[in-house]
Amino acid sequence: NSGMTYDMGSGRGTEKSADCSSAVFRSLIYGGFLNSNAYIGNTET
């Protein structure tokens, strides 16, 4: 709803962009399933 865009590059961890796996990691952190300083991995992670 905020208009986040898809970015597989260096923007994948910014407030405005994510790729598939970074979005999942970031949502898991937000939901309390991972620590706030957890590594933002990739699909294989």
All heavy atoms as atom14 arrays in JSON, in Angstrom:
{
  "sequence": "NSGMTYDMGSGRGTEKSADCSSAVFRSLIYGGFLNSNAYIGNTET",
  "atom14_mask": [
    [1, 1, 1, 1, 1, 1, 1, 1, 0, 0, 0, 0, 0, 0],
    [1, 1, 1, 1, 1, 1, 0, 0, 0, 0, 0, 0, 0, 0],
    [1, 1, 1, 1, 0, 0, 0, 0, 0, 0, 0, 0, 0, 0],
    [1, 1, 1, 1, 1, 1, 1, 1, 0, 0, 0, 0, 0, 0],
    [1, 1, 1, 1, 1, 1, 1, 0, 0, 0, 0, 0, 0, 0],
    [1, 1, 1, 1, 1, 1, 1, 1, 1, 1, 1, 1, 0, 0],
    [1, 1, 1, 1, 1, 1, 1, 1, 0, 0, 0, 0, 0, 0],
    [1, 1, 1, 1, 1, 1, 1, 1, 0, 0, 0, 0, 0, 0],
    [1, 1, 1, 1, 0, 0, 0, 0, 0, 0, 0, 0, 0, 0],
    [1, 1, 1, 1, 1, 1, 0, 0, 0, 0, 0, 0, 0, 0],
    [1, 1, 1, 1, 0, 0, 0, 0, 0, 0, 0, 0, 0, 0],
    [1, 1, 1, 1, 1, 1, 1, 1, 1, 1, 1, 0, 0, 0],
    [1, 1, 1, 1, 0, 0, 0, 0, 0, 0, 0, 0, 0, 0],
    [1, 1, 1, 1, 1, 1, 1, 0, 0, 0, 0, 0, 0, 0],
    [1, 1, 1, 1, 1, 1, 1, 1, 1, 0, 0, 0, 0, 0],
    [1, 1, 1, 1, 1, 1, 1, 1, 1, 0, 0, 0, 0, 0],
    [1, 1, 1, 1, 1, 1, 0, 0, 0, 0, 0, 0, 0, 0],
    [1, 1, 1, 1, 1, 0, 0, 0, 0, 0, 0, 0, 0, 0],
    [1, 1, 1, 1, 1, 1, 1, 1, 0, 0, 0, 0, 0, 0],
    [1, 1, 1, 1, 1, 1, 0, 0, 0, 0, 0, 0, 0, 0],
    [1, 1, 1, 1, 1, 1, 0, 0, 0, 0, 0, 0, 0, 0],
    [1, 1, 1, 1, 1, 1, 0, 0, 0, 0, 0, 0, 0, 0],
    [1, 1, 1, 1, 1, 0, 0, 0, 0, 0, 0, 0, 0, 0],
    [1, 1, 1, 1, 1, 1, 1, 0, 0, 0, 0, 0, 0, 0],
    [1, 1, 1, 1, 1, 1, 1, 1, 1, 1, 1, 0, 0, 0],
    [1, 1, 1, 1, 1, 1, 1, 1, 1, 1, 1, 0, 0, 0],
    [1, 1, 1, 1, 1, 1, 0, 0, 0, 0, 0, 0, 0, 0],
    [1, 1, 1, 1, 1, 1, 1, 1, 0, 0, 0, 0, 0, 0],
    [1, 1, 1, 1, 1, 1, 1, 1, 0, 0, 0, 0, 0, 0],
    [1, 1, 1, 1, 1, 1, 1, 1, 1, 1, 1, 1, 0, 0],
    [1, 1, 1, 1, 0, 0, 0, 0, 0, 0, 0, 0, 0, 0],
    [1, 1, 1, 1, 0, 0, 0, 0, 0, 0, 0, 0, 0, 0],
    [1, 1, 1, 1, 1, 1, 1, 1, 1, 1, 1, 0, 0, 0],
    [1, 1, 1, 1, 1, 1, 1, 1, 0, 0, 0, 0, 0, 0],
    [1, 1, 1, 1, 1, 1, 1, 1, 0, 0, 0, 0, 0, 0],
    [1, 1, 1, 1, 1, 1, 0, 0, 0, 0, 0, 0, 0, 0],
    [1, 1, 1, 1, 1, 1, 1, 1, 0, 0, 0, 0, 0, 0],
    [1, 1, 1, 1, 1, 0, 0, 0, 0, 0, 0, 0, 0, 0],
    [1, 1, 1, 1, 1, 1, 1, 1, 1, 1, 1, 1, 0, 0],
    [1, 1, 1, 1, 1, 1, 1, 1, 0, 0, 0, 0, 0, 0],
    [1, 1, 1, 1, 0, 0, 0, 0, 0, 0, 0, 0, 0, 0],
    [1, 1, 1, 1, 1, 1, 1, 1, 0, 0, 0, 0, 0, 0],
    [1, 1, 1, 1, 1, 1, 1, 0, 0, 0, 0, 0, 0, 0],
    [1, 1, 1, 1, 1, 1, 1, 1, 1, 0, 0, 0, 0, 0],
    [1, 1, 1, 1, 1, 1, 1, 0, 0, 0, 0, 0, 0, 0]
  ],
  "atom14_positions": [
    [[0.81, -1.22, 0.0], [0.0, 0.0, 0.0], [0.84, 1.27, 0.0], [0.34, 2.33, -0.37], [-0.96, -0.01, 1.18], [-2.01, -1.09, 1.05], [-2.34, -1.51, -0.06], [-2.52, -1.57, 2.17], [0.0, 0.0, 0.0], [0.0, 0.0, 0.0], [0.0, 0.0, 0.0], [0.0, 0.0, 0.0], [0.0, 0.0, 0.0], [0.0, 0.0, 0.0]],
    [[2.1, 1.16, 0.41], [2.97, 2.35, 0.41], [3.67, 2.55, -0.94], [4.42, 3.5, -1.11], [4.02, 2.24, 1.51], [4.99, 1.25, 1.18], [0.0, 0.0, 0.0], [0.0, 0.0, 0.0], [0.0, 0.0, 0.0], [0.0, 0.0, 0.0], [0.0, 0.0, 0.0], [0.0, 0.0, 0.0], [0.0, 0.0, 0.0], [0.0, 0.0, 0.0]],
    [[3.44, 1.63, -1.88], [4.05, 1.76, -3.2], [5.46, 1.21, -3.29], [6.22, 1.58, -4.17], [0.0, 0.0, 0.0], [0.0, 0.0, 0.0], [0.0, 0.0, 0.0], [0.0, 0.0, 0.0], [0.0, 0.0, 0.0], [0.0, 0.0, 0.0], [0.0, 0.0, 0.0], [0.0, 0.0, 0.0], [0.0, 0.0, 0.0], [0.0, 0.0, 0.0]],
    [[5.81, 0.32, -2.37], [7.15, -0.28, -2.41], [7.38, -0.91, -3.77], [6.48, -1.51, -4.35], [7.29, -1.34, -1.31], [8.68, -1.94, -1.23], [8.9, -2.99, 0.21], [9.31, -1.76, 1.43], [0.0, 0.0, 0.0], [0.0, 0.0, 0.0], [0.0, 0.0, 0.0], [0.0, 0.0, 0.0], [0.0, 0.0, 0.0], [0.0, 0.0, 0.0]],
    [[8.59, -0.76, -4.29], [8.93, -1.29, -5.61], [9.85, -2.5, -5.48], [10.46, -2.72, -4.44], [9.61, -0.22, -6.47], [10.81, 0.22, -5.81], [8.68, 0.97, -6.71], [0.0, 0.0, 0.0], [0.0, 0.0, 0.0], [0.0, 0.0, 0.0], [0.0, 0.0, 0.0], [0.0, 0.0, 0.0], [0.0, 0.0, 0.0], [0.0, 0.0, 0.0]],
    [[9.94, -3.25, -6.56], [10.78, -4.45, -6.6], [12.19, -4.08, -7.03], [12.38, -3.4, -8.03], [10.18, -5.46, -7.6], [10.88, -6.78, -7.6], [10.56, -7.75, -6.66], [11.87, -7.07, -8.52], [11.2, -8.98, -6.64], [12.52, -8.29, -8.52], [12.18, -9.24, -7.57], [12.83, -10.44, -7.56], [0.0, 0.0, 0.0], [0.0, 0.0, 0.0]],
    [[13.18, -4.51, -6.24], [14.57, -4.24, -6.56], [15.44, -5.38, -6.06], [15.51, -5.62, -4.86], [14.99, -2.92, -5.9], [16.4, -2.48, -6.25], [17.2, -3.3, -6.76], [16.71, -1.31, -6.01], [0.0, 0.0, 0.0], [0.0, 0.0, 0.0], [0.0, 0.0, 0.0], [0.0, 0.0, 0.0], [0.0, 0.0, 0.0], [0.0, 0.0, 0.0]],
    [[16.08, -6.09, -6.98], [16.97, -7.18, -6.59], [18.39, -6.69, -6.33], [19.26, -7.47, -5.94], [17.03, -8.24, -7.69], [15.81, -9.12, -7.73], [15.94, -10.42, -8.97], [17.28, -11.4, -8.34], [0.0, 0.0, 0.0], [0.0, 0.0, 0.0], [0.0, 0.0, 0.0], [0.0, 0.0, 0.0], [0.0, 0.0, 0.0], [0.0, 0.0, 0.0]],
    [[18.63, -5.41, -6.48], [19.97, -4.86, -6.3], [20.17, -4.28, -4.91], [19.6, -4.75, -3.92], [0.0, 0.0, 0.0], [0.0, 0.0, 0.0], [0.0, 0.0, 0.0], [0.0, 0.0, 0.0], [0.0, 0.0, 0.0], [0.0, 0.0, 0.0], [0.0, 0.0, 0.0], [0.0, 0.0, 0.0], [0.0, 0.0, 0.0], [0.0, 0.0, 0.0]],
    [[20.96, -3.24, -4.85], [21.33, -2.64, -3.57], [20.15, -1.99, -2.86], [20.21, -1.77, -1.65], [22.44, -1.61, -3.77], [22.0, -0.58, -4.63], [0.0, 0.0, 0.0], [0.0, 0.0, 0.0], [0.0, 0.0, 0.0], [0.0, 0.0, 0.0], [0.0, 0.0, 0.0], [0.0, 0.0, 0.0], [0.0, 0.0, 0.0], [0.0, 0.0, 0.0]],
    [[19.06, -1.72, -3.57], [17.89, -1.11, -2.96], [16.97, -2.08, -2.25], [15.98, -1.67, -1.64], [0.0, 0.0, 0.0], [0.0, 0.0, 0.0], [0.0, 0.0, 0.0], [0.0, 0.0, 0.0], [0.0, 0.0, 0.0], [0.0, 0.0, 0.0], [0.0, 0.0, 0.0], [0.0, 0.0, 0.0], [0.0, 0.0, 0.0], [0.0, 0.0, 0.0]],
    [[17.3, -3.38, -2.27], [16.38, -4.39, -1.72], [16.14, -4.26, -0.22], [15.2, -4.83, 0.3], [16.89, -5.8, -2.07], [18.13, -6.23, -1.32], [18.71, -7.52, -1.86], [18.01, -8.7, -1.48], [18.3, -9.46, -0.43], [19.29, -9.14, 0.37], [17.59, -10.53, -0.18], [0.0, 0.0, 0.0], [0.0, 0.0, 0.0], [0.0, 0.0, 0.0]],
    [[16.96, -3.5, 0.46], [16.78, -3.34, 1.89], [16.37, -1.95, 2.3], [16.36, -1.62, 3.48], [0.0, 0.0, 0.0], [0.0, 0.0, 0.0], [0.0, 0.0, 0.0], [0.0, 0.0, 0.0], [0.0, 0.0, 0.0], [0.0, 0.0, 0.0], [0.0, 0.0, 0.0], [0.0, 0.0, 0.0], [0.0, 0.0, 0.0], [0.0, 0.0, 0.0]],
    [[16.01, -1.12, 1.32], [15.62, 0.25, 1.64], [14.14, 0.31, 2.01], [13.38, -0.65, 1.82], [15.89, 1.18, 0.45], [15.01, 0.83, -0.62], [17.34, 1.11, -0.01], [0.0, 0.0, 0.0], [0.0, 0.0, 0.0], [0.0, 0.0, 0.0], [0.0, 0.0, 0.0], [0.0, 0.0, 0.0], [0.0, 0.0, 0.0], [0.0, 0.0, 0.0]],
    [[13.75, 1.46, 2.52], [12.34, 1.66, 2.9], [11.41, 1.6, 1.7], [10.25, 1.22, 1.83], [12.22, 3.02, 3.6], [10.87, 3.27, 4.19], [10.82, 4.57, 4.97], [11.74, 4.83, 5.75], [9.86, 5.33, 4.76], [0.0, 0.0, 0.0], [0.0, 0.0, 0.0], [0.0, 0.0, 0.0], [0.0, 0.0, 0.0], [0.0, 0.0, 0.0]],
    [[11.92, 1.92, 0.53], [11.08, 2.02, -0.67], [11.12, 0.8, -1.56], [10.31, 0.69, -2.48], [11.51, 3.24, -1.5], [11.43, 4.55, -0.78], [10.04, 5.07, -0.81], [10.0, 6.45, -0.17], [8.67, 6.88, 0.12], [0.0, 0.0, 0.0], [0.0, 0.0, 0.0], [0.0, 0.0, 0.0], [0.0, 0.0, 0.0], [0.0, 0.0, 0.0]],
    [[12.05, -0.15, -1.34], [12.2, -1.28, -2.25], [12.52, -2.57, -1.52], [13.06, -2.56, -0.42], [13.34, -1.01, -3.25], [13.08, 0.12, -4.03], [0.0, 0.0, 0.0], [0.0, 0.0, 0.0], [0.0, 0.0, 0.0], [0.0, 0.0, 0.0], [0.0, 0.0, 0.0], [0.0, 0.0, 0.0], [0.0, 0.0, 0.0], [0.0, 0.0, 0.0]],
    [[12.19, -3.68, -2.18], [12.51, -5.03, -1.68], [12.45, -5.99, -2.84], [11.84, -5.7, -3.87], [11.52, -5.45, -0.6], [0.0, 0.0, 0.0], [0.0, 0.0, 0.0], [0.0, 0.0, 0.0], [0.0, 0.0, 0.0], [0.0, 0.0, 0.0], [0.0, 0.0, 0.0], [0.0, 0.0, 0.0], [0.0, 0.0, 0.0], [0.0, 0.0, 0.0]],
    [[13.09, -7.13, -2.7], [12.85, -8.23, -3.63], [12.08, -9.29, -2.84], [11.7, -9.06, -1.69], [14.16, -8.75, -4.24], [15.11, -9.37, -3.25], [14.78, -9.48, -2.05], [16.21, -9.77, -3.66], [0.0, 0.0, 0.0], [0.0, 0.0, 0.0], [0.0, 0.0, 0.0], [0.0, 0.0, 0.0], [0.0, 0.0, 0.0], [0.0, 0.0, 0.0]],
    [[11.79, -10.41, -3.47], [10.95, -11.42, -2.83], [11.48, -11.85, -1.47], [10.78, -11.8, -0.46], [10.82, -12.66, -3.72], [10.11, -12.32, -5.33], [0.0, 0.0, 0.0], [0.0, 0.0, 0.0], [0.0, 0.0, 0.0], [0.0, 0.0, 0.0], [0.0, 0.0, 0.0], [0.0, 0.0, 0.0], [0.0, 0.0, 0.0], [0.0, 0.0, 0.0]],
    [[12.74, -12.27, -1.43], [13.28, -12.81, -0.19], [13.5, -11.73, 0.86], [13.24, -11.95, 2.04], [14.57, -13.58, -0.45], [15.49, -12.8, -1.16], [0.0, 0.0, 0.0], [0.0, 0.0, 0.0], [0.0, 0.0, 0.0], [0.0, 0.0, 0.0], [0.0, 0.0, 0.0], [0.0, 0.0, 0.0], [0.0, 0.0, 0.0], [0.0, 0.0, 0.0]],
    [[13.97, -10.54, 0.45], [14.18, -9.49, 1.47], [12.84, -9.05, 2.07], [12.77, -8.73, 3.26], [14.95, -8.31, 0.9], [14.22, -7.61, -0.09], [0.0, 0.0, 0.0], [0.0, 0.0, 0.0], [0.0, 0.0, 0.0], [0.0, 0.0, 0.0], [0.0, 0.0, 0.0], [0.0, 0.0, 0.0], [0.0, 0.0, 0.0], [0.0, 0.0, 0.0]],
    [[11.78, -9.06, 1.27], [10.45, -8.74, 1.81], [10.03, -9.77, 2.85], [9.48, -9.42, 3.9], [9.43, -8.66, 0.68], [0.0, 0.0, 0.0], [0.0, 0.0, 0.0], [0.0, 0.0, 0.0], [0.0, 0.0, 0.0], [0.0, 0.0, 0.0], [0.0, 0.0, 0.0], [0.0, 0.0, 0.0], [0.0, 0.0, 0.0], [0.0, 0.0, 0.0]],
    [[10.28, -11.04, 2.58], [9.92, -12.08, 3.55], [10.74, -11.91, 4.82], [10.19, -11.94, 5.93], [10.11, -13.5, 2.95], [9.94, -14.56, 4.02], [9.12, -13.72, 1.81], [0.0, 0.0, 0.0], [0.0, 0.0, 0.0], [0.0, 0.0, 0.0], [0.0, 0.0, 0.0], [0.0, 0.0, 0.0], [0.0, 0.0, 0.0], [0.0, 0.0, 0.0]],
    [[12.06, -11.73, 4.7], [12.89, -11.54, 5.88], [12.44, -10.33, 6.69], [12.31, -10.4, 7.91], [14.37, -11.38, 5.5], [15.09, -12.68, 5.39], [15.32, -13.25, 4.16], [15.55, -13.34, 6.52], [15.99, -14.46, 4.04], [16.22, -14.55, 6.41], [16.44, -15.11, 5.17], [0.0, 0.0, 0.0], [0.0, 0.0, 0.0], [0.0, 0.0, 0.0]],
    [[12.19, -9.24, 6.02], [11.79, -8.02, 6.71], [10.43, -8.17, 7.38], [10.21, -7.67, 8.48], [11.83, -6.84, 5.75], [13.29, -6.52, 5.37], [13.45, -5.71, 4.14], [12.87, -4.39, 4.27], [12.77, -3.54, 3.24], [13.21, -3.89, 2.05], [12.24, -2.36, 3.42], [0.0, 0.0, 0.0], [0.0, 0.0, 0.0], [0.0, 0.0, 0.0]],
    [[9.52, -8.9, 6.75], [8.22, -9.12, 7.38], [8.33, -10.07, 8.58], [7.62, -9.9, 9.57], [7.21, -9.65, 6.36], [7.53, -10.95, 5.93], [0.0, 0.0, 0.0], [0.0, 0.0, 0.0], [0.0, 0.0, 0.0], [0.0, 0.0, 0.0], [0.0, 0.0, 0.0], [0.0, 0.0, 0.0], [0.0, 0.0, 0.0], [0.0, 0.0, 0.0]],
    [[9.24, -11.04, 8.5], [9.47, -11.93, 9.64], [10.07, -11.18, 10.82], [9.74, -11.45, 11.98], [10.37, -13.1, 9.24], [9.74, -14.15, 8.31], [10.81, -15.12, 7.81], [8.61, -14.9, 9.0], [0.0, 0.0, 0.0], [0.0, 0.0, 0.0], [0.0, 0.0, 0.0], [0.0, 0.0, 0.0], [0.0, 0.0, 0.0], [0.0, 0.0, 0.0]],
    [[10.94, -10.21, 10.54], [11.49, -9.36, 11.6], [10.37, -8.53, 12.2], [10.2, -8.47, 13.42], [12.62, -8.47, 11.05], [13.83, -9.33, 10.7], [12.97, -7.37, 12.05], [14.9, -8.62, 9.89], [0.0, 0.0, 0.0], [0.0, 0.0, 0.0], [0.0, 0.0, 0.0], [0.0, 0.0, 0.0], [0.0, 0.0, 0.0], [0.0, 0.0, 0.0]],
    [[9.57, -7.9, 11.36], [8.46, -7.07, 11.82], [7.49, -7.89, 12.68], [7.01, -7.41, 13.71], [7.73, -6.47, 10.62], [6.54, -5.63, 10.98], [6.7, -4.29, 11.28], [5.26, -6.17, 11.01], [5.61, -3.5, 11.62], [4.16, -5.39, 11.36], [4.35, -4.06, 11.66], [3.26, -3.28, 12.01], [0.0, 0.0, 0.0], [0.0, 0.0, 0.0]],
    [[7.23, -9.11, 12.27], [6.3, -9.96, 13.0], [6.88, -10.58, 14.27], [6.18, -11.27, 15.0], [0.0, 0.0, 0.0], [0.0, 0.0, 0.0], [0.0, 0.0, 0.0], [0.0, 0.0, 0.0], [0.0, 0.0, 0.0], [0.0, 0.0, 0.0], [0.0, 0.0, 0.0], [0.0, 0.0, 0.0], [0.0, 0.0, 0.0], [0.0, 0.0, 0.0]],
    [[8.16, -10.35, 14.53], [8.77, -10.86, 15.75], [9.3, -12.29, 15.64], [9.7, -12.88, 16.64], [0.0, 0.0, 0.0], [0.0, 0.0, 0.0], [0.0, 0.0, 0.0], [0.0, 0.0, 0.0], [0.0, 0.0, 0.0], [0.0, 0.0, 0.0], [0.0, 0.0, 0.0], [0.0, 0.0, 0.0], [0.0, 0.0, 0.0], [0.0, 0.0, 0.0]],
    [[9.33, -12.84, 14.44], [9.82, -14.19, 14.24], [11.34, -14.25, 14.15], [11.94, -15.3, 14.36], [9.21, -14.82, 12.99], [7.74, -15.07, 13.14], [6.82, -14.13, 12.7], [7.27, -16.24, 13.73], [5.46, -14.35, 12.85], [5.92, -16.47, 13.88], [5.01, -15.52, 13.44], [0.0, 0.0, 0.0], [0.0, 0.0, 0.0], [0.0, 0.0, 0.0]],
    [[11.95, -13.12, 13.79], [13.41, -13.0, 13.74], [13.81, -11.78, 14.54], [13.03, -10.83, 14.68], [13.9, -12.84, 12.29], [13.67, -14.0, 11.34], [14.07, -13.6, 9.91], [14.45, -15.23, 11.78], [0.0, 0.0, 0.0], [0.0, 0.0, 0.0], [0.0, 0.0, 0.0], [0.0, 0.0, 0.0], [0.0, 0.0, 0.0], [0.0, 0.0, 0.0]],
    [[15.04, -11.76, 15.05], [15.55, -10.61, 15.79], [15.63, -9.39, 14.89], [15.82, -9.52, 13.67], [16.94, -10.91, 16.34], [16.91, -11.97, 17.41], [15.96, -12.07, 18.17], [17.96, -12.77, 17.47], [0.0, 0.0, 0.0], [0.0, 0.0, 0.0], [0.0, 0.0, 0.0], [0.0, 0.0, 0.0], [0.0, 0.0, 0.0], [0.0, 0.0, 0.0]],
    [[15.55, -8.22, 15.47], [15.57, -6.99, 14.7], [16.87, -6.78, 13.93], [16.9, -6.06, 12.94], [15.31, -5.78, 15.6], [16.32, -5.69, 16.59], [0.0, 0.0, 0.0], [0.0, 0.0, 0.0], [0.0, 0.0, 0.0], [0.0, 0.0, 0.0], [0.0, 0.0, 0.0], [0.0, 0.0, 0.0], [0.0, 0.0, 0.0], [0.0, 0.0, 0.0]],
    [[17.93, -7.43, 14.35], [19.21, -7.31, 13.65], [19.52, -8.54, 12.79], [20.67, -8.75, 12.41], [20.34, -7.06, 14.64], [20.49, -8.19, 15.65], [19.62, -9.05, 15.76], [21.57, -8.17, 16.41], [0.0, 0.0, 0.0], [0.0, 0.0, 0.0], [0.0, 0.0, 0.0], [0.0, 0.0, 0.0], [0.0, 0.0, 0.0], [0.0, 0.0, 0.0]],
    [[18.51, -9.31, 12.47], [18.71, -10.54, 11.69], [19.24, -10.23, 10.29], [18.93, -9.19, 9.7], [17.4, -11.32, 11.58], [0.0, 0.0, 0.0], [0.0, 0.0, 0.0], [0.0, 0.0, 0.0], [0.0, 0.0, 0.0], [0.0, 0.0, 0.0], [0.0, 0.0, 0.0], [0.0, 0.0, 0.0], [0.0, 0.0, 0.0], [0.0, 0.0, 0.0]],
    [[20.05, -11.15, 9.8], [20.59, -11.06, 8.44], [19.45, -11.13, 7.42], [18.58, -11.99, 7.54], [21.58, -12.21, 8.23], [22.06, -12.39, 6.82], [22.95, -11.47, 6.24], [21.65, -13.47, 6.06], [23.41, -11.64, 4.95], [22.12, -13.65, 4.75], [22.98, -12.73, 4.22], [23.43, -12.89, 2.93], [0.0, 0.0, 0.0], [0.0, 0.0, 0.0]],
    [[19.46, -10.24, 6.44], [18.47, -10.27, 5.36], [19.06, -11.15, 4.27], [19.87, -10.7, 3.46], [18.17, -8.85, 4.82], [17.72, -7.92, 5.94], [17.13, -8.93, 3.71], [16.44, -8.31, 6.63], [0.0, 0.0, 0.0], [0.0, 0.0, 0.0], [0.0, 0.0, 0.0], [0.0, 0.0, 0.0], [0.0, 0.0, 0.0], [0.0, 0.0, 0.0]],
    [[18.67, -12.4, 4.26], [19.23, -13.37, 3.33], [18.54, -13.38, 1.98], [17.89, -12.41, 1.58], [0.0, 0.0, 0.0], [0.0, 0.0, 0.0], [0.0, 0.0, 0.0], [0.0, 0.0, 0.0], [0.0, 0.0, 0.0], [0.0, 0.0, 0.0], [0.0, 0.0, 0.0], [0.0, 0.0, 0.0], [0.0, 0.0, 0.0], [0.0, 0.0, 0.0]],
    [[18.68, -14.5, 1.3], [18.1, -14.66, -0.04], [17.19, -15.89, -0.05], [16.92, -16.48, 0.99], [19.21, -14.76, -1.08], [20.17, -15.9, -0.79], [19.79, -16.93, -0.22], [21.42, -15.73, -1.17], [0.0, 0.0, 0.0], [0.0, 0.0, 0.0], [0.0, 0.0, 0.0], [0.0, 0.0, 0.0], [0.0, 0.0, 0.0], [0.0, 0.0, 0.0]],
    [[16.75, -16.27, -1.23], [15.82, -17.41, -1.34], [16.45, -18.69, -0.81], [15.79, -19.47, -0.13], [15.38, -17.6, -2.81], [14.79, -16.38, -3.26], [14.37, -18.71, -2.94], [0.0, 0.0, 0.0], [0.0, 0.0, 0.0], [0.0, 0.0, 0.0], [0.0, 0.0, 0.0], [0.0, 0.0, 0.0], [0.0, 0.0, 0.0], [0.0, 0.0, 0.0]],
    [[17.72, -18.91, -1.1], [18.38, -20.13, -0.6], [18.49, -20.12, 0.92], [18.39, -21.16, 1.56], [19.76, -20.29, -1.25], [19.69, -20.67, -2.72], [18.92, -21.95, -2.98], [19.05, -22.93, -2.22], [18.16, -21.99, -3.95], [0.0, 0.0, 0.0], [0.0, 0.0, 0.0], [0.0, 0.0, 0.0], [0.0, 0.0, 0.0], [0.0, 0.0, 0.0]],
    [[18.7, -18.94, 1.51], [18.72, -18.83, 2.97], [17.36, -19.22, 3.54], [17.28, -19.95, 4.53], [19.08, -17.39, 3.4], [20.22, -16.94, 2.68], [19.36, -17.32, 4.89], [0.0, 0.0, 0.0], [0.0, 0.0, 0.0], [0.0, 0.0, 0.0], [0.0, 0.0, 0.0], [0.0, 0.0, 0.0], [0.0, 0.0, 0.0], [0.0, 0.0, 0.0]]
  ]
}
